[in-house]
Protein backbone atom coordinates (compact mmCIF):
# COMPACT_ATOMS: atom_id res chain seq x y z
CA MET A 1 0.00 0.00 0.00
CA THR A 2 1.47 3.33 -0.95
CA GLU A 3 2.08 6.16 1.47
CA ALA A 4 0.05 8.53 -0.72
CA ALA A 5 -3.07 6.43 -0.20
CA LEU A 6 -2.63 6.16 3.58
CA ASN A 7 -1.29 9.57 4.59
CA PRO A 8 -4.59 11.51 4.23
CA ALA A 9 -6.33 9.00 6.50
CA VAL A 10 -3.47 9.13 9.02
CA ASP A 11 -3.67 12.95 9.04
CA ARG A 12 -7.42 12.84 9.70
CA PHE A 13 -6.84 10.25 12.42
CA GLU A 14 -4.27 12.47 14.17
CA ASP A 15 -6.80 15.35 14.20
CA LEU A 16 -9.15 13.27 16.39
CA ASP A 17 -9.00 13.43 20.18
CA GLU A 18 -7.56 10.43 22.05
CA GLU A 19 -10.92 8.80 22.81
CA GLU A 20 -12.04 9.02 19.18
CA GLN A 21 -8.68 7.62 18.06
CA ASP A 22 -9.08 4.64 20.36
CA GLU A 23 -12.61 4.01 19.10
CA TYR A 24 -11.55 4.29 15.45
CA ARG A 25 -8.56 2.01 15.98
CA ASP A 26 -10.76 -0.55 17.77
CA ASP A 27 -13.27 -0.48 14.90
CA LEU A 28 -10.48 -1.08 12.39
CA ARG A 29 -9.12 -3.97 14.47
CA THR A 30 -12.58 -5.51 14.79
CA PHE A 31 -13.23 -5.29 11.06
CA THR A 32 -9.85 -6.71 10.06
CA ARG A 33 -10.04 -9.57 12.56
CA LEU A 34 -13.57 -10.54 11.60
CA TYR A 35 -12.84 -10.31 7.90
CA SER A 36 -9.65 -12.32 8.28
CA PHE A 37 -11.43 -15.06 10.21
CA ARG A 38 -14.44 -15.11 7.88
CA SER A 39 -12.28 -15.26 4.77
CA GLN A 40 -10.54 -18.37 6.09
CA VAL A 41 -13.83 -20.15 6.72
CA ALA A 42 -15.64 -19.22 3.49
CA THR A 43 -14.84 -17.66 0.13
CA TRP A 44 -15.68 -14.02 -0.46
CA THR A 45 -16.92 -12.86 -3.84
CA ASP A 46 -16.91 -9.12 -3.15
CA LEU A 47 -13.70 -7.64 -4.58
CA ASP A 48 -14.41 -4.19 -3.09
CA LEU A 49 -14.63 -5.69 0.39
CA GLU A 50 -11.28 -7.40 -0.13
CA LYS A 51 -9.73 -4.08 -1.21
CA TRP A 52 -11.24 -2.39 1.85
CA TYR A 53 -9.74 -5.07 4.11
CA ILE A 54 -6.26 -4.61 2.60
CA TYR A 55 -6.52 -0.83 2.98
CA CYS A 56 -7.76 -1.04 6.59
CA ARG A 57 -5.05 -3.50 7.54
CA ALA A 58 -2.32 -1.28 6.08
CA LEU A 59 -3.85 1.76 7.77
CA LEU A 60 -4.00 -0.02 11.10
CA LEU A 61 -0.28 -0.75 10.89
CA LYS A 62 0.44 2.95 10.34
CA LEU A 63 -1.71 4.25 13.19
CA LYS A 64 0.25 4.70 16.36
CA ASP A 65 -1.11 3.01 19.46
CA HIS A 66 0.12 4.63 22.66
CA ARG A 67 -1.67 2.21 24.96
CA GLY A 68 0.85 -0.59 24.48
CA SER A 69 -1.29 -3.08 26.37
CA ALA A 70 -2.24 -5.37 23.49
CA ILE A 71 -0.02 -7.25 21.11
CA ASP A 72 -1.49 -7.74 17.65
CA VAL A 73 -0.28 -10.97 16.05
CA SER A 74 -3.10 -11.19 13.50
CA ASP A 75 -0.66 -10.66 10.63
CA GLN A 76 1.49 -13.55 11.92
CA VAL A 77 -1.21 -16.13 12.71
CA GLU A 78 -3.41 -17.86 10.18
CA LEU A 79 -6.22 -20.34 10.72
CA THR A 80 -5.30 -23.45 8.76
CA HIS A 81 -7.70 -26.05 10.17
CA LEU A 82 -11.20 -25.88 11.54
CA VAL A 83 -12.48 -28.94 13.36
CA LYS A 84 -16.10 -29.36 14.27
CA ARG A 85 -16.59 -31.87 17.07
CA TYR A 86 -19.81 -33.27 18.45
CA ASP A 87 -20.47 -34.41 21.97
CA TRP A 88 -22.43 -37.58 21.30
CA PHE A 89 -23.78 -37.63 24.82
CA VAL A 90 -25.63 -34.37 24.32
CA VAL A 91 -27.41 -35.81 21.28
CA ALA A 92 -30.84 -37.24 22.05
CA PRO A 93 -30.73 -40.92 23.16
CA ALA A 94 -33.14 -42.01 20.40
CA LEU A 95 -30.87 -40.49 17.77
CA ARG A 96 -27.83 -42.18 19.31
CA ARG A 97 -29.62 -45.54 19.22
CA SER A 98 -30.64 -45.04 15.58
CA LEU A 99 -27.01 -44.31 14.72
CA GLY A 100 -25.89 -47.41 16.60
CA VAL A 101 -23.95 -45.47 19.22
CA CYS A 102 -23.81 -46.84 22.75
CA CYS A 103 -26.16 -45.00 25.08
CA ARG A 104 -23.97 -45.27 28.16
CA ARG A 105 -21.55 -42.53 29.04
CA PRO A 106 -17.92 -43.69 28.71
CA LEU A 107 -15.59 -43.69 31.66
CA LEU A 108 -13.51 -40.59 32.05
CA ARG A 109 -9.86 -41.01 31.22
C-alpha cells in the first residue's frame, strides 16, 4: 500500500482526540479480525470488500497506538484447520440408538 493512499487517512486520524482515536482504531481492528477469520472459513466474492480489508489493515499498521497493552499478532497467525466436534452424549438418546452409538456414558480417562 502506498504512502500517498494512507497519509490523508493518518492525518485525519491524528486530528481526532484520544478517545475518538481509540474508538476508530478498535473499529479497524474488529473489522480486520472478523474479515480475516471469515475469509478463512468461506470464500468471499466481493472484490471491493477485499480491497477495503487490505486498505484497513495497512492503515492499522500505520496508526500509532500509545496504549501498548495489546499485542497484535493477526498478521502472523493464520487459521489453517477448523475442526467441528460433536459431543455424542448431548445428542438425544433415540438419535444415538438409531445411529448405533452406545447410550452409556464412557468412563472418564
